[in-house]
PDB file of N, CA and C in Angstrom:
ATOM      1  N   GLU A   1       0.782  -1.018   0.064  1.00  0.00           N
ATOM      2  CA  GLU A   1      -0.036  -0.076   0.190  1.00  0.00           C
ATOM      3  C   GLU A   1       0.769   1.156   0.019  1.00  0.00           C
ATOM      4  N   ILE A   2       0.911   1.942  -1.064  1.00  0.00           N
ATOM      5  CA  ILE A   2       1.736   3.196  -1.207  1.00  0.00           C
ATOM      6  C   ILE A   2       0.989   4.545  -1.203  1.00  0.00           C
ATOM      7  N   GLN A   3      -0.343   4.307  -1.169  1.00  0.00           N
ATOM      8  CA  GLN A   3      -1.189   5.160  -1.552  1.00  0.00           C
ATOM      9  C   GLN A   3      -0.808   6.509  -0.312  1.00  0.00           C
ATOM     10  N   GLY A   4      -0.666   6.208   0.633  1.00  0.00           N
ATOM     11  CA  GLY A   4      -0.323   7.405   1.739  1.00  0.00           C
ATOM     12  C   GLY A   4       1.068   7.946   1.184  1.00  0.00           C
ATOM     13  N   ASP A   5       1.960   7.371   0.791  1.00  0.00           N
ATOM     14  CA  ASP A   5       3.465   7.894   0.222  1.00  0.00           C
ATOM     15  C   ASP A   5       3.005   9.082  -0.832  1.00  0.00           C
ATOM     16  N   VAL A   6       2.130   8.375  -2.031  1.00  0.00           N
ATOM     17  CA  VAL A   6       1.884   9.514  -2.868  1.00  0.00           C
ATOM     18  C   VAL A   6       1.228  10.311  -2.512  1.00  0.00           C
ATOM     19  N   ARG A   7       0.190  10.261  -1.611  1.00  0.00           N
ATOM     20  CA  ARG A   7      -0.884  11.548  -0.936  1.00  0.00           C
ATOM     21  C   ARG A   7       0.512  12.145  -0.546  1.00  0.00           C
ATOM     22  N   ASP A   8       1.146  11.769   0.338  1.00  0.00           N
ATOM     23  CA  ASP A   8       2.483  12.844   1.037  1.00  0.00           C
ATOM     24  C   ASP A   8       3.142  13.462  -0.029  1.00  0.00           C
ATOM     25  N   GLN A   9       3.592  12.561  -1.140  1.00  0.00           N
ATOM     26  CA  GLN A   9       4.393  13.259  -2.371  1.00  0.00           C
ATOM     27  C   GLN A   9       3.705  14.465  -2.816  1.00  0.00           C
ATOM     28  N   LEU A  10       2.127  14.398  -3.080  1.00  0.00           N
ATOM     29  CA  LEU A  10       1.877  15.353  -3.790  1.00  0.00           C
ATOM     30  C   LEU A  10       1.584  16.243  -2.908  1.00  0.00           C
ATOM     31  N   LYS A  11       1.210  16.340  -1.801  1.00  0.00           N
ATOM     32  CA  LYS A  11       0.862  17.383  -0.635  1.00  0.00           C
ATOM     33  C   LYS A  11       2.318  17.999  -0.674  1.00  0.00           C
ATOM     34  N   THR A  12       3.469  17.733  -0.757  1.00  0.00           N
ATOM     35  CA  THR A  12       4.422  18.480  -0.498  1.00  0.00           C
ATOM     36  C   THR A  12       4.877  18.881  -1.983  1.00  0.00           C
ATOM     37  N   LEU A  13       4.524  18.439  -3.190  1.00  0.00           N
ATOM     38  CA  LEU A  13       4.402  19.024  -4.346  1.00  0.00           C
ATOM     39  C   LEU A  13       3.798  20.426  -4.268  1.00  0.00           C
ATOM     40  N   LEU A  14       2.433  19.931  -3.917  1.00  0.00           N
ATOM     41  CA  LEU A  14       1.621  21.143  -4.095  1.00  0.00           C
ATOM     42  C   LEU A  14       2.294  22.571  -3.243  1.00  0.00           C
ATOM     43  N   GLU A  15       2.385  22.017  -1.851  1.00  0.00           N
ATOM     44  CA  GLU A  15       3.247  22.969  -0.870  1.00  0.00           C
ATOM     45  C   GLU A  15       4.175  23.484  -1.700  1.00  0.00           C
ATOM     46  N   SER A  16       5.002  22.963  -2.457  1.00  0.00           N
ATOM     47  CA  SER A  16       6.287  23.538  -2.871  1.00  0.00           C
ATOM     48  C   SER A  16       6.218  24.532  -4.057  1.00  0.00           C
ATOM     49  N   LYS A  17       4.984  24.530  -4.455  1.00  0.00           N
ATOM     50  CA  LYS A  17       4.583  25.554  -5.393  1.00  0.00           C
ATOM     51  C   LYS A  17       3.923  26.837  -4.753  1.00  0.00           C
ATOM     52  N   GLY A  18       3.605  26.390  -3.567  1.00  0.00           N
ATOM     53  CA  GLY A  18       2.745  28.062  -2.822  1.00  0.00           C
ATOM     54  C   GLY A  18       1.331  27.459  -2.537  1.00  0.00           C
ATOM     55  N   HIS A  19       0.788  26.404  -2.582  1.00  0.00           N
ATOM     56  CA  HIS A  19      -0.406  26.212  -2.313  1.00  0.00           C
ATOM     57  C   HIS A  19      -0.640  25.330  -0.966  1.00  0.00           C
ATOM     58  N   LYS A  20      -1.661  25.644   0.090  1.00  0.00           N
ATOM     59  CA  LYS A  20      -2.029  25.278   0.827  1.00  0.00           C
ATOM     60  C   LYS A  20      -3.229  23.874   0.974  1.00  0.00           C
ATOM     61  N   VAL A  21      -2.470  22.704   1.036  1.00  0.00           N
ATOM     62  CA  VAL A  21      -2.968  21.718   1.000  1.00  0.00           C
ATOM     63  C   VAL A  21      -3.685  20.940   2.596  1.00  0.00           C
ATOM     64  N   LYS A  22      -5.058  20.385   2.186  1.00  0.00           N
ATOM     65  CA  LYS A  22      -5.520  19.387   3.244  1.00  0.00           C
ATOM     66  C   LYS A  22      -5.822  18.567   2.864  1.00  0.00           C
ATOM     67  N   LEU A  23      -5.369  17.383   2.776  1.00  0.00           N
ATOM     68  CA  LEU A  23      -5.712  16.376   2.266  1.00  0.00           C
ATOM     69  C   LEU A  23      -6.447  15.122   3.214  1.00  0.00           C
ATOM     70  N   ALA A  24      -7.292  14.782   2.537  1.00  0.00           N
ATOM     71  CA  ALA A  24      -7.921  13.234   3.814  1.00  0.00           C
ATOM     72  C   ALA A  24      -7.038  12.798   3.916  1.00  0.00           C
ATOM     73  N   GLY A  25      -6.492  12.295   5.173  1.00  0.00           N
ATOM     74  CA  GLY A  25      -5.849  10.946   5.535  1.00  0.00           C
ATOM     75  C   GLY A  25      -4.486  11.558   5.974  1.00  0.00           C
ATOM     76  N   GLY A  26      -3.966  12.946   5.427  1.00  0.00           N
ATOM     77  CA  GLY A  26      -2.746  13.436   5.354  1.00  0.00           C
ATOM     78  C   GLY A  26      -2.798  14.411   6.722  1.00  0.00           C
TER      79      GLY A  26
END
C-alpha cells in the first residue's frame, strides 16, 4: 500500500508551489 506515500508526495509538491493543501488522511 503506497497510497499514503503518493498522497504525501503530492501534498509536498503542491505546497512547494505555494498551495496550502489539506488532504484526507494526510
